[in-house]
Amino acid sequence: TALGLTEGMHVLDCTLGTGADAIVESFVVGAAGAVTALESNPLIAAVIADGLAHATGDNYEMHAAMRRIVVHHAFLCAAETDSYDVIYFDPMFRRPLHESAGMNALRVLADMRALTEEMIAEACRVARRRVVMKERRESAEFERLGFTHIMGGKYSRIAYGVMET
């Protein structure tokens, strides 16, 4: 809901990590859309890209969505103005949720740098519709980076800052 995705949209996921969010994004935008995912750590980028490309099992629609994700080893790339519908950030939380088993395995390799105002300004230039950042609900990062519209479940510890462009 926070990303406002529909079929055919183009998404730039700036923080691939385990790829979970990128898979959902790709599933929603479908074959007519596109998801480009960036990962600053070359080892994580290579391992996750290989997993996305070679996943097997019975869920053929999900595997097709996984194979459509284009992974690049990059932190934030220069892109043309208005070249993606949505730009998405899920940076490592300043105060992590340590019970997140999926992330605990990658935490030692993860890029712990905080997003900057300049990164958000660049994302706003590149996004046709919105920029979204996932963070802990009580995080001061939303205010620091200029996100005034916060979405998320009433009882969830996670929230999404949404900035319309």
N, C-alpha and C. Protein backbone atom coordinates (compact mmCIF):
# COMPACT_ATOMS: atom_id res chain seq x y z
N THR A 1 0.83 -1.20 0.00
CA THR A 1 0.00 0.00 0.00
C THR A 1 0.87 1.26 0.00
N ALA A 2 1.92 1.26 0.81
CA ALA A 2 2.78 2.45 0.89
C ALA A 2 3.44 2.76 -0.45
N LEU A 3 3.82 1.74 -1.18
CA LEU A 3 4.47 1.96 -2.47
C LEU A 3 3.46 2.33 -3.56
N GLY A 4 2.19 1.97 -3.37
CA GLY A 4 1.16 2.30 -4.35
C GLY A 4 1.38 1.60 -5.68
N LEU A 5 1.88 0.38 -5.64
CA LEU A 5 2.23 -0.33 -6.87
C LEU A 5 1.01 -0.88 -7.60
N THR A 6 1.08 -0.83 -8.92
CA THR A 6 0.11 -1.48 -9.78
C THR A 6 0.88 -2.14 -10.93
N GLU A 7 0.20 -3.00 -11.65
CA GLU A 7 0.82 -3.71 -12.75
C GLU A 7 1.41 -2.72 -13.75
N GLY A 8 2.62 -3.04 -14.21
CA GLY A 8 3.27 -2.23 -15.23
C GLY A 8 4.18 -1.14 -14.70
N MET A 9 4.21 -0.91 -13.41
CA MET A 9 5.05 0.15 -12.86
C MET A 9 6.52 -0.27 -12.86
N HIS A 10 7.40 0.74 -12.78
CA HIS A 10 8.84 0.53 -12.70
C HIS A 10 9.32 0.99 -11.33
N VAL A 11 10.05 0.09 -10.64
CA VAL A 11 10.48 0.34 -9.26
C VAL A 11 12.00 0.27 -9.19
N LEU A 12 12.59 1.20 -8.44
CA LEU A 12 14.00 1.12 -8.10
C LEU A 12 14.09 0.85 -6.61
N ASP A 13 14.47 -0.38 -6.26
CA ASP A 13 14.64 -0.78 -4.86
C ASP A 13 16.11 -0.56 -4.54
N CYS A 14 16.40 0.45 -3.75
CA CYS A 14 17.78 0.88 -3.50
C CYS A 14 18.49 0.07 -2.43
N THR A 15 17.81 -0.89 -1.81
CA THR A 15 18.40 -1.66 -0.71
C THR A 15 17.94 -3.11 -0.81
N LEU A 16 18.57 -3.88 -1.67
CA LEU A 16 18.13 -5.25 -1.95
C LEU A 16 18.12 -6.13 -0.72
N GLY A 17 19.20 -6.20 0.04
CA GLY A 17 19.27 -7.10 1.19
C GLY A 17 18.96 -8.53 0.80
N THR A 18 18.01 -9.16 1.46
CA THR A 18 17.64 -10.55 1.15
C THR A 18 16.76 -10.67 -0.08
N GLY A 19 16.28 -9.56 -0.59
CA GLY A 19 15.43 -9.56 -1.78
C GLY A 19 13.95 -9.72 -1.52
N ALA A 20 13.56 -9.85 -0.26
CA ALA A 20 12.15 -10.10 0.06
C ALA A 20 11.23 -9.01 -0.47
N ASP A 21 11.58 -7.74 -0.24
CA ASP A 21 10.73 -6.65 -0.71
C ASP A 21 10.72 -6.59 -2.23
N ALA A 22 11.87 -6.79 -2.86
CA ALA A 22 11.96 -6.75 -4.32
C ALA A 22 11.10 -7.84 -4.95
N ILE A 23 11.03 -9.00 -4.32
CA ILE A 23 10.19 -10.09 -4.84
C ILE A 23 8.72 -9.67 -4.82
N VAL A 24 8.27 -9.09 -3.73
CA VAL A 24 6.89 -8.62 -3.64
C VAL A 24 6.63 -7.55 -4.69
N GLU A 25 7.56 -6.61 -4.81
CA GLU A 25 7.42 -5.54 -5.80
C GLU A 25 7.28 -6.13 -7.21
N SER A 26 8.15 -7.08 -7.56
CA SER A 26 8.13 -7.69 -8.88
C SER A 26 6.84 -8.47 -9.12
N PHE A 27 6.37 -9.16 -8.10
CA PHE A 27 5.12 -9.92 -8.22
C PHE A 27 3.96 -8.97 -8.54
N VAL A 28 3.92 -7.83 -7.84
CA VAL A 28 2.82 -6.87 -8.02
C VAL A 28 2.88 -6.17 -9.37
N VAL A 29 4.06 -5.71 -9.80
CA VAL A 29 4.14 -4.98 -11.06
C VAL A 29 4.05 -5.90 -12.27
N GLY A 30 4.28 -7.20 -12.07
CA GLY A 30 4.10 -8.19 -13.12
C GLY A 30 5.11 -8.09 -14.25
N ALA A 31 4.86 -8.89 -15.27
CA ALA A 31 5.77 -8.96 -16.41
C ALA A 31 5.79 -7.65 -17.21
N ALA A 32 4.73 -6.86 -17.12
CA ALA A 32 4.69 -5.58 -17.83
C ALA A 32 5.49 -4.50 -17.10
N GLY A 33 5.82 -4.75 -15.83
CA GLY A 33 6.58 -3.80 -15.04
C GLY A 33 8.04 -4.19 -14.96
N ALA A 34 8.78 -3.51 -14.08
CA ALA A 34 10.20 -3.81 -13.92
C ALA A 34 10.64 -3.43 -12.51
N VAL A 35 11.51 -4.27 -11.95
CA VAL A 35 12.13 -3.95 -10.66
C VAL A 35 13.64 -4.03 -10.84
N THR A 36 14.30 -2.92 -10.54
CA THR A 36 15.75 -2.87 -10.50
C THR A 36 16.12 -2.75 -9.04
N ALA A 37 17.02 -3.63 -8.58
CA ALA A 37 17.39 -3.64 -7.16
C ALA A 37 18.88 -3.38 -7.02
N LEU A 38 19.23 -2.48 -6.12
CA LEU A 38 20.61 -2.13 -5.86
C LEU A 38 21.06 -2.72 -4.52
N GLU A 39 22.30 -3.18 -4.48
CA GLU A 39 22.89 -3.68 -3.23
C GLU A 39 24.33 -3.21 -3.18
N SER A 40 24.70 -2.53 -2.10
CA SER A 40 26.04 -1.95 -2.00
C SER A 40 27.12 -2.98 -1.72
N ASN A 41 26.79 -4.11 -1.12
CA ASN A 41 27.79 -5.13 -0.83
C ASN A 41 27.86 -6.11 -2.00
N PRO A 42 29.02 -6.25 -2.63
CA PRO A 42 29.10 -7.11 -3.82
C PRO A 42 28.81 -8.58 -3.53
N LEU A 43 29.17 -9.06 -2.36
CA LEU A 43 28.90 -10.46 -2.02
C LEU A 43 27.40 -10.70 -1.87
N ILE A 44 26.72 -9.83 -1.14
CA ILE A 44 25.27 -9.96 -0.99
C ILE A 44 24.60 -9.85 -2.35
N ALA A 45 25.02 -8.89 -3.16
CA ALA A 45 24.43 -8.71 -4.49
C ALA A 45 24.56 -9.98 -5.32
N ALA A 46 25.74 -10.59 -5.31
CA ALA A 46 25.97 -11.79 -6.12
C ALA A 46 25.17 -12.98 -5.62
N VAL A 47 25.16 -13.19 -4.31
CA VAL A 47 24.45 -14.35 -3.75
C VAL A 47 22.94 -14.22 -3.96
N ILE A 48 22.39 -13.06 -3.67
CA ILE A 48 20.94 -12.87 -3.81
C ILE A 48 20.55 -12.90 -5.29
N ALA A 49 21.34 -12.29 -6.15
CA ALA A 49 21.03 -12.32 -7.59
C ALA A 49 21.01 -13.76 -8.10
N ASP A 50 21.96 -14.58 -7.66
CA ASP A 50 22.00 -15.97 -8.08
C ASP A 50 20.77 -16.73 -7.55
N GLY A 51 20.41 -16.49 -6.30
CA GLY A 51 19.23 -17.14 -5.73
C GLY A 51 17.96 -16.74 -6.46
N LEU A 52 17.83 -15.47 -6.79
CA LEU A 52 16.65 -15.00 -7.53
C LEU A 52 16.57 -15.65 -8.91
N ALA A 53 17.71 -15.80 -9.55
CA ALA A 53 17.74 -16.34 -10.91
C ALA A 53 17.52 -17.85 -10.96
N HIS A 54 17.82 -18.55 -9.86
CA HIS A 54 17.79 -20.01 -9.91
C HIS A 54 16.83 -20.67 -8.92
N ALA A 55 15.91 -19.93 -8.37
CA ALA A 55 14.94 -20.51 -7.43
C ALA A 55 14.10 -21.57 -8.13
N THR A 56 13.81 -22.64 -7.41
CA THR A 56 12.98 -23.71 -7.98
C THR A 56 11.88 -24.07 -7.00
N GLY A 57 10.91 -24.78 -7.48
CA GLY A 57 9.78 -25.21 -6.65
C GLY A 57 8.50 -25.16 -7.45
N ASP A 58 7.39 -25.21 -6.74
CA ASP A 58 6.09 -25.30 -7.39
C ASP A 58 5.40 -23.96 -7.63
N ASN A 59 5.89 -22.88 -7.04
CA ASN A 59 5.24 -21.58 -7.17
C ASN A 59 5.82 -20.85 -8.39
N TYR A 60 5.35 -21.22 -9.58
CA TYR A 60 5.92 -20.71 -10.82
C TYR A 60 5.74 -19.21 -10.99
N GLU A 61 4.63 -18.66 -10.54
CA GLU A 61 4.42 -17.21 -10.64
C GLU A 61 5.43 -16.46 -9.80
N MET A 62 5.70 -16.97 -8.59
CA MET A 62 6.67 -16.31 -7.71
C MET A 62 8.08 -16.42 -8.30
N HIS A 63 8.41 -17.58 -8.84
CA HIS A 63 9.74 -17.73 -9.42
C HIS A 63 9.92 -16.83 -10.63
N ALA A 64 8.87 -16.66 -11.42
CA ALA A 64 8.94 -15.75 -12.56
C ALA A 64 9.18 -14.33 -12.07
N ALA A 65 8.51 -13.94 -11.00
CA ALA A 65 8.71 -12.61 -10.42
C ALA A 65 10.15 -12.46 -9.94
N MET A 66 10.70 -13.49 -9.32
CA MET A 66 12.07 -13.45 -8.83
C MET A 66 13.05 -13.28 -9.98
N ARG A 67 12.85 -13.99 -11.08
CA ARG A 67 13.77 -13.93 -12.21
C ARG A 67 13.70 -12.59 -12.95
N ARG A 68 12.62 -11.86 -12.81
CA ARG A 68 12.49 -10.56 -13.48
C ARG A 68 13.28 -9.45 -12.78
N ILE A 69 13.70 -9.65 -11.55
CA ILE A 69 14.42 -8.61 -10.80
C ILE A 69 15.84 -8.48 -11.35
N VAL A 70 16.20 -7.26 -11.69
CA VAL A 70 17.55 -6.96 -12.19
C VAL A 70 18.35 -6.41 -11.02
N VAL A 71 19.44 -7.09 -10.67
CA VAL A 71 20.25 -6.71 -9.51
C VAL A 71 21.54 -6.05 -9.99
N HIS A 72 21.88 -4.94 -9.33
CA HIS A 72 23.14 -4.24 -9.60
C HIS A 72 23.88 -4.04 -8.28
N HIS A 73 25.20 -4.21 -8.34
CA HIS A 73 26.03 -3.88 -7.18
C HIS A 73 26.26 -2.37 -7.25
N ALA A 74 25.54 -1.63 -6.42
CA ALA A 74 25.65 -0.18 -6.40
C ALA A 74 25.02 0.33 -5.11
N PHE A 75 25.38 1.53 -4.68
CA PHE A 75 24.75 2.12 -3.51
C PHE A 75 23.55 2.95 -3.94
N LEU A 76 23.76 3.87 -4.83
CA LEU A 76 22.68 4.65 -5.41
C LEU A 76 23.20 5.10 -6.76
N CYS A 77 22.49 4.76 -7.79
CA CYS A 77 23.00 5.05 -9.12
C CYS A 77 22.37 6.31 -9.68
N ALA A 78 23.10 6.95 -10.55
CA ALA A 78 22.54 8.10 -11.26
C ALA A 78 21.54 7.57 -12.28
N ALA A 79 20.40 8.15 -12.32
CA ALA A 79 19.36 7.73 -13.26
C ALA A 79 18.74 8.98 -13.86
N GLU A 80 18.09 8.79 -14.97
CA GLU A 80 17.41 9.90 -15.64
C GLU A 80 16.28 10.44 -14.75
N THR A 81 15.99 11.71 -14.86
CA THR A 81 14.88 12.32 -14.15
C THR A 81 13.59 11.61 -14.53
N ASP A 82 12.75 11.34 -13.55
CA ASP A 82 11.45 10.69 -13.74
C ASP A 82 11.55 9.34 -14.45
N SER A 83 12.58 8.55 -14.14
CA SER A 83 12.78 7.28 -14.84
C SER A 83 12.18 6.08 -14.13
N TYR A 84 11.74 6.23 -12.88
CA TYR A 84 11.08 5.15 -12.15
C TYR A 84 9.81 5.71 -11.53
N ASP A 85 8.79 4.86 -11.40
CA ASP A 85 7.56 5.30 -10.74
C ASP A 85 7.78 5.46 -9.25
N VAL A 86 8.47 4.47 -8.64
CA VAL A 86 8.65 4.45 -7.19
C VAL A 86 10.11 4.13 -6.87
N ILE A 87 10.65 4.86 -5.90
CA ILE A 87 11.98 4.58 -5.35
C ILE A 87 11.75 4.10 -3.93
N TYR A 88 12.37 2.96 -3.57
CA TYR A 88 12.14 2.34 -2.26
C TYR A 88 13.46 2.16 -1.52
N PHE A 89 13.45 2.54 -0.25
CA PHE A 89 14.59 2.35 0.64
C PHE A 89 14.16 1.54 1.86
N ASP A 90 14.94 0.54 2.19
CA ASP A 90 14.79 -0.22 3.43
C ASP A 90 16.17 -0.32 4.05
N PRO A 91 16.70 0.81 4.55
CA PRO A 91 18.06 0.79 5.10
C PRO A 91 18.11 -0.01 6.40
N MET A 92 19.32 -0.39 6.77
CA MET A 92 19.49 -1.06 8.06
C MET A 92 19.01 -0.09 9.14
N PHE A 93 18.16 -0.57 10.01
CA PHE A 93 17.60 0.29 11.05
C PHE A 93 18.69 0.77 11.99
N ARG A 94 18.57 2.01 12.43
CA ARG A 94 19.53 2.56 13.40
C ARG A 94 19.50 1.71 14.68
N ARG A 95 18.31 1.26 15.07
CA ARG A 95 18.14 0.33 16.19
C ARG A 95 17.49 -0.92 15.62
N PRO A 96 18.28 -1.98 15.39
CA PRO A 96 17.74 -3.16 14.70
C PRO A 96 16.73 -3.95 15.51
N LEU A 97 15.89 -4.67 14.78
CA LEU A 97 14.98 -5.66 15.37
C LEU A 97 15.75 -6.98 15.33
N HIS A 98 16.44 -7.31 16.39
CA HIS A 98 17.35 -8.46 16.38
C HIS A 98 16.64 -9.78 16.19
N GLU A 99 15.34 -9.84 16.42
CA GLU A 99 14.65 -11.12 16.22
C GLU A 99 14.37 -11.38 14.75
N SER A 100 14.79 -10.48 13.87
CA SER A 100 14.63 -10.67 12.43
C SER A 100 15.70 -11.64 11.95
N ALA A 101 15.40 -12.94 12.00
CA ALA A 101 16.38 -13.98 11.69
C ALA A 101 16.95 -13.84 10.28
N GLY A 102 16.12 -13.47 9.33
CA GLY A 102 16.58 -13.32 7.95
C GLY A 102 17.66 -12.26 7.82
N MET A 103 17.54 -11.19 8.56
CA MET A 103 18.53 -10.12 8.47
C MET A 103 19.74 -10.38 9.35
N ASN A 104 19.58 -11.12 10.43
CA ASN A 104 20.71 -11.38 11.31
C ASN A 104 21.87 -12.03 10.57
N ALA A 105 21.58 -12.89 9.61
CA ALA A 105 22.63 -13.56 8.85
C ALA A 105 23.42 -12.58 7.99
N LEU A 106 22.78 -11.52 7.52
CA LEU A 106 23.44 -10.55 6.66
C LEU A 106 23.98 -9.33 7.39
N ARG A 107 23.59 -9.17 8.64
CA ARG A 107 23.92 -7.95 9.38
C ARG A 107 25.42 -7.64 9.38
N VAL A 108 26.28 -8.65 9.49
CA VAL A 108 27.73 -8.40 9.54
C VAL A 108 28.27 -7.88 8.22
N LEU A 109 27.57 -8.15 7.12
CA LEU A 109 28.01 -7.69 5.80
C LEU A 109 27.28 -6.44 5.33
N ALA A 110 26.23 -6.08 6.02
CA ALA A 110 25.34 -5.01 5.56
C ALA A 110 26.00 -3.63 5.63
N ASP A 111 25.53 -2.77 4.77
CA ASP A 111 25.96 -1.38 4.73
C ASP A 111 25.17 -0.63 5.80
N MET A 112 25.84 -0.15 6.81
CA MET A 112 25.16 0.47 7.95
C MET A 112 25.02 1.99 7.80
N ARG A 113 25.44 2.54 6.67
CA ARG A 113 25.33 3.98 6.49
C ARG A 113 23.87 4.42 6.49
N ALA A 114 23.64 5.54 7.12
CA ALA A 114 22.29 6.12 7.12
C ALA A 114 22.05 6.82 5.79
N LEU A 115 20.78 6.89 5.41
CA LEU A 115 20.42 7.67 4.23
C LEU A 115 20.70 9.14 4.51
N THR A 116 20.97 9.89 3.46
CA THR A 116 21.24 11.32 3.61
C THR A 116 20.14 12.12 2.93
N GLU A 117 20.08 13.39 3.27
CA GLU A 117 19.13 14.28 2.64
C GLU A 117 19.38 14.35 1.13
N GLU A 118 20.67 14.28 0.74
CA GLU A 118 21.02 14.32 -0.67
C GLU A 118 20.49 13.09 -1.41
N MET A 119 20.55 11.93 -0.77
CA MET A 119 20.02 10.71 -1.39
C MET A 119 18.52 10.81 -1.61
N ILE A 120 17.82 11.35 -0.62
CA ILE A 120 16.38 11.50 -0.75
C ILE A 120 16.04 12.52 -1.84
N ALA A 121 16.80 13.61 -1.91
CA ALA A 121 16.58 14.60 -2.98
C ALA A 121 16.81 13.98 -4.35
N GLU A 122 17.86 13.16 -4.48
CA GLU A 122 18.13 12.47 -5.75
C GLU A 122 17.00 11.50 -6.08
N ALA A 123 16.52 10.77 -5.08
CA ALA A 123 15.40 9.84 -5.29
C ALA A 123 14.15 10.60 -5.75
N CYS A 124 13.89 11.75 -5.18
CA CYS A 124 12.73 12.55 -5.59
C CYS A 124 12.86 13.02 -7.04
N ARG A 125 14.08 13.30 -7.47
CA ARG A 125 14.30 13.71 -8.85
C ARG A 125 14.01 12.55 -9.81
N VAL A 126 14.38 11.35 -9.41
CA VAL A 126 14.27 10.17 -10.28
C VAL A 126 12.86 9.57 -10.26
N ALA A 127 12.13 9.75 -9.16
CA ALA A 127 10.81 9.13 -9.00
C ALA A 127 9.72 9.96 -9.69
N ARG A 128 8.90 9.27 -10.49
CA ARG A 128 7.75 9.92 -11.12
C ARG A 128 6.61 10.12 -10.12
N ARG A 129 6.47 9.19 -9.15
CA ARG A 129 5.31 9.23 -8.26
C ARG A 129 5.64 9.39 -6.80
N ARG A 130 6.53 8.51 -6.26
CA ARG A 130 6.80 8.60 -4.83
C ARG A 130 8.11 7.94 -4.44
N VAL A 131 8.58 8.37 -3.27
CA VAL A 131 9.75 7.79 -2.62
C VAL A 131 9.25 7.23 -1.30
N VAL A 132 9.66 6.00 -0.98
CA VAL A 132 9.19 5.33 0.23
C VAL A 132 10.39 4.82 1.01
N MET A 133 10.34 5.01 2.33
CA MET A 133 11.39 4.49 3.22
C MET A 133 10.75 3.68 4.34
N LYS A 134 11.27 2.49 4.55
CA LYS A 134 10.83 1.60 5.63
C LYS A 134 11.73 1.83 6.84
N GLU A 135 11.13 1.95 8.01
CA GLU A 135 11.90 2.18 9.25
C GLU A 135 11.08 1.74 10.44
N ARG A 136 11.71 1.75 11.59
CA ARG A 136 10.98 1.52 12.84
C ARG A 136 10.00 2.67 13.03
N ARG A 137 8.83 2.35 13.55
CA ARG A 137 7.77 3.35 13.70
C ARG A 137 8.24 4.61 14.44
N GLU A 138 8.98 4.44 15.51
CA GLU A 138 9.37 5.59 16.35
C GLU A 138 10.66 6.26 15.89
N SER A 139 11.20 5.88 14.74
CA SER A 139 12.48 6.38 14.26
C SER A 139 12.44 7.88 13.97
N ALA A 140 13.51 8.56 14.36
CA ALA A 140 13.67 9.98 14.06
C ALA A 140 14.11 10.19 12.61
N GLU A 141 14.44 9.10 11.90
CA GLU A 141 14.89 9.20 10.51
C GLU A 141 13.81 9.79 9.61
N PHE A 142 12.56 9.50 9.87
CA PHE A 142 11.48 10.05 9.04
C PHE A 142 11.54 11.57 9.05
N GLU A 143 11.57 12.15 10.23
CA GLU A 143 11.60 13.61 10.35
C GLU A 143 12.90 14.18 9.80
N ARG A 144 14.02 13.56 10.14
CA ARG A 144 15.33 14.05 9.68
C ARG A 144 15.41 14.13 8.16
N LEU A 145 14.79 13.16 7.47
CA LEU A 145 14.87 13.10 6.02
C LEU A 145 13.69 13.76 5.30
N GLY A 146 12.74 14.30 6.06
CA GLY A 146 11.64 15.04 5.45
C GLY A 146 10.40 14.25 5.11
N PHE A 147 10.26 13.03 5.66
CA PHE A 147 9.05 12.25 5.42
C PHE A 147 7.99 12.68 6.44
N THR A 148 6.89 13.25 5.94
CA THR A 148 5.84 13.71 6.84
C THR A 148 4.62 12.79 6.81
N HIS A 149 4.47 12.02 5.74
CA HIS A 149 3.34 11.08 5.64
C HIS A 149 3.86 9.70 6.02
N ILE A 150 3.39 9.18 7.16
CA ILE A 150 3.84 7.89 7.68
C ILE A 150 2.68 6.91 7.62
N MET A 151 2.93 5.71 7.06
CA MET A 151 1.90 4.68 6.92
C MET A 151 2.36 3.42 7.64
N GLY A 152 1.39 2.62 8.05
CA GLY A 152 1.71 1.33 8.66
C GLY A 152 0.60 0.90 9.59
N GLY A 153 0.62 -0.38 9.92
CA GLY A 153 -0.38 -0.93 10.82
C GLY A 153 -0.31 -0.31 12.20
N LYS A 154 -1.44 -0.15 12.82
CA LYS A 154 -1.54 0.50 14.13
C LYS A 154 -0.64 -0.16 15.18
N TYR A 155 -0.51 -1.48 15.13
CA TYR A 155 0.26 -2.20 16.15
C TYR A 155 1.62 -2.68 15.64
N SER A 156 1.97 -2.35 14.42
CA SER A 156 3.24 -2.78 13.85
C SER A 156 4.38 -1.90 14.36
N ARG A 157 5.54 -2.50 14.55
CA ARG A 157 6.72 -1.74 14.93
C ARG A 157 7.40 -1.12 13.71
N ILE A 158 6.92 -1.47 12.52
CA ILE A 158 7.48 -0.97 11.26
C ILE A 158 6.52 0.03 10.65
N ALA A 159 7.10 1.08 10.04
CA ALA A 159 6.29 2.08 9.35
C ALA A 159 6.97 2.43 8.03
N TYR A 160 6.22 3.11 7.18
CA TYR A 160 6.73 3.53 5.88
C TYR A 160 6.53 5.02 5.72
N GLY A 161 7.61 5.73 5.48
CA GLY A 161 7.52 7.15 5.16
C GLY A 161 7.28 7.27 3.67
N VAL A 162 6.30 8.07 3.29
CA VAL A 162 5.93 8.23 1.88
C VAL A 162 6.06 9.69 1.50
N MET A 163 6.78 9.93 0.41
CA MET A 163 6.97 11.28 -0.09
C MET A 163 6.51 11.29 -1.55
N GLU A 164 5.43 12.01 -1.81
CA GLU A 164 4.92 12.12 -3.19
C GLU A 164 5.82 13.08 -3.95
N THR A 165 6.07 12.78 -5.22
CA THR A 165 6.96 13.66 -6.00
C THR A 165 6.18 14.41 -7.06
